[in-house]
Amino acid sequence: MFSGSEGGAESWAILASLVNTAKLHELDPQAYLADVLERIVSGQTKSHQLHELLAWNWKAARRFGARVAA
């Protein structure tokens, strides 16, 4: 109703889902989305690796990376 079009509503639903999934996994949604989008745009993450960018996998990888760095 407030999104302007059906496509706009779908885009907002996807964004809301990503933000809320990040929150459920106790992530900062802005940091999560910025990193994920940067990895996709830069080509750092290939299409067959997209599962690594799911919130729970992303969080686990960050935790593991922090342990290795310490």
C-alpha atoms as a PDB file:
ATOM      1  CA  MET A   1       0.000   0.000   0.000  1.00  0.00           C
ATOM      2  CA  PHE A   2       2.773   2.455   0.892  1.00  0.00           C
ATOM      3  CA  SER A   3       5.507   1.018  -1.285  1.00  0.00           C
ATOM      4  CA  GLY A   4       4.323   2.441  -4.595  1.00  0.00           C
ATOM      5  CA  SER A   5       4.169  -0.828  -6.502  1.00  0.00           C
ATOM      6  CA  GLU A   6       4.112  -4.571  -6.096  1.00  0.00           C
ATOM      7  CA  GLY A   7       7.834  -4.748  -6.893  1.00  0.00           C
ATOM      8  CA  GLY A   8       8.555  -2.086  -4.283  1.00  0.00           C
ATOM      9  CA  ALA A   9       6.586  -4.020  -1.686  1.00  0.00           C
ATOM     10  CA  GLU A  10       8.543  -7.167  -2.490  1.00  0.00           C
ATOM     11  CA  SER A  11      11.851  -5.294  -2.153  1.00  0.00           C
ATOM     12  CA  TRP A  12      10.830  -3.892   1.233  1.00  0.00           C
ATOM     13  CA  ALA A  13       9.764  -7.353   2.401  1.00  0.00           C
ATOM     14  CA  ILE A  14      13.151  -8.791   1.450  1.00  0.00           C
ATOM     15  CA  LEU A  15      14.998  -5.967   3.200  1.00  0.00           C
ATOM     16  CA  ALA A  16      12.848  -6.288   6.332  1.00  0.00           C
ATOM     17  CA  SER A  17      13.507 -10.033   6.379  1.00  0.00           C
ATOM     18  CA  LEU A  18      17.282  -9.533   6.145  1.00  0.00           C
ATOM     19  CA  VAL A  19      17.308  -6.863   8.866  1.00  0.00           C
ATOM     20  CA  ASN A  20      15.167  -8.899  11.246  1.00  0.00           C
ATOM     21  CA  THR A  21      17.182 -12.065  10.642  1.00  0.00           C
ATOM     22  CA  ALA A  22      20.333 -10.133  11.538  1.00  0.00           C
ATOM     23  CA  LYS A  23      18.678  -8.864  14.710  1.00  0.00           C
ATOM     24  CA  LEU A  24      17.527 -12.361  15.671  1.00  0.00           C
ATOM     25  CA  HIS A  25      21.130 -13.511  15.440  1.00  0.00           C
ATOM     26  CA  GLU A  26      22.275 -10.546  17.555  1.00  0.00           C
ATOM     27  CA  LEU A  27      24.083  -8.838  14.687  1.00  0.00           C
ATOM     28  CA  ASP A  28      24.236  -5.146  13.866  1.00  0.00           C
ATOM     29  CA  PRO A  29      22.053  -5.090  10.732  1.00  0.00           C
ATOM     30  CA  GLN A  30      23.933  -2.150   9.216  1.00  0.00           C
ATOM     31  CA  ALA A  31      27.353  -3.781   9.647  1.00  0.00           C
ATOM     32  CA  TYR A  32      26.038  -7.126   8.401  1.00  0.00           C
ATOM     33  CA  LEU A  33      24.362  -5.721   5.287  1.00  0.00           C
ATOM     34  CA  ALA A  34      27.300  -3.425   4.469  1.00  0.00           C
ATOM     35  CA  ASP A  35      29.743  -6.341   4.619  1.00  0.00           C
ATOM     36  CA  VAL A  36      27.504  -8.732   2.690  1.00  0.00           C
ATOM     37  CA  LEU A  37      26.771  -6.212  -0.060  1.00  0.00           C
ATOM     38  CA  GLU A  38      30.455  -5.283  -0.336  1.00  0.00           C
ATOM     39  CA  ARG A  39      31.408  -8.953  -0.712  1.00  0.00           C
ATOM     40  CA  ILE A  40      28.803  -9.470  -3.426  1.00  0.00           C
ATOM     41  CA  VAL A  41      29.578  -6.289  -5.376  1.00  0.00           C
ATOM     42  CA  SER A  42      33.353  -6.733  -5.195  1.00  0.00           C
ATOM     43  CA  GLY A  43      33.154 -10.340  -6.376  1.00  0.00           C
ATOM     44  CA  GLN A  44      34.893 -11.550  -3.215  1.00  0.00           C
ATOM     45  CA  THR A  45      32.048 -14.037  -2.690  1.00  0.00           C
ATOM     46  CA  LYS A  46      31.174 -16.099  -5.754  1.00  0.00           C
ATOM     47  CA  SER A  47      27.651 -17.276  -6.581  1.00  0.00           C
ATOM     48  CA  HIS A  48      28.341 -20.807  -5.320  1.00  0.00           C
ATOM     49  CA  GLN A  49      29.468 -19.347  -1.948  1.00  0.00           C
ATOM     50  CA  LEU A  50      26.368 -17.272  -1.162  1.00  0.00           C
ATOM     51  CA  HIS A  51      25.400 -19.642   1.660  1.00  0.00           C
ATOM     52  CA  GLU A  52      28.398 -18.226   3.551  1.00  0.00           C
ATOM     53  CA  LEU A  53      26.620 -14.856   3.702  1.00  0.00           C
ATOM     54  CA  LEU A  54      23.584 -16.139   5.576  1.00  0.00           C
ATOM     55  CA  ALA A  55      23.410 -14.406   8.957  1.00  0.00           C
ATOM     56  CA  TRP A  56      24.198 -17.506  11.036  1.00  0.00           C
ATOM     57  CA  ASN A  57      27.128 -18.549   8.829  1.00  0.00           C
ATOM     58  CA  TRP A  58      28.440 -14.986   8.643  1.00  0.00           C
ATOM     59  CA  LYS A  59      28.330 -14.681  12.438  1.00  0.00           C
ATOM     60  CA  ALA A  60      30.121 -18.007  12.940  1.00  0.00           C
ATOM     61  CA  ALA A  61      32.848 -17.034  10.463  1.00  0.00           C
ATOM     62  CA  ARG A  62      33.386 -13.690  12.229  1.00  0.00           C
ATOM     63  CA  ARG A  63      33.593 -15.437  15.608  1.00  0.00           C
ATOM     64  CA  PHE A  64      36.100 -17.941  14.206  1.00  0.00           C
ATOM     65  CA  GLY A  65      38.148 -15.142  12.624  1.00  0.00           C
ATOM     66  CA  ALA A  66      38.235 -13.257  15.927  1.00  0.00           C
ATOM     67  CA  ARG A  67      39.510 -16.370  17.739  1.00  0.00           C
ATOM     68  CA  VAL A  68      42.225 -16.956  15.164  1.00  0.00           C
ATOM     69  CA  ALA A  69      43.342 -13.312  15.359  1.00  0.00           C
ATOM     70  CA  ALA A  70      43.557 -13.430  19.166  1.00  0.00           C
END
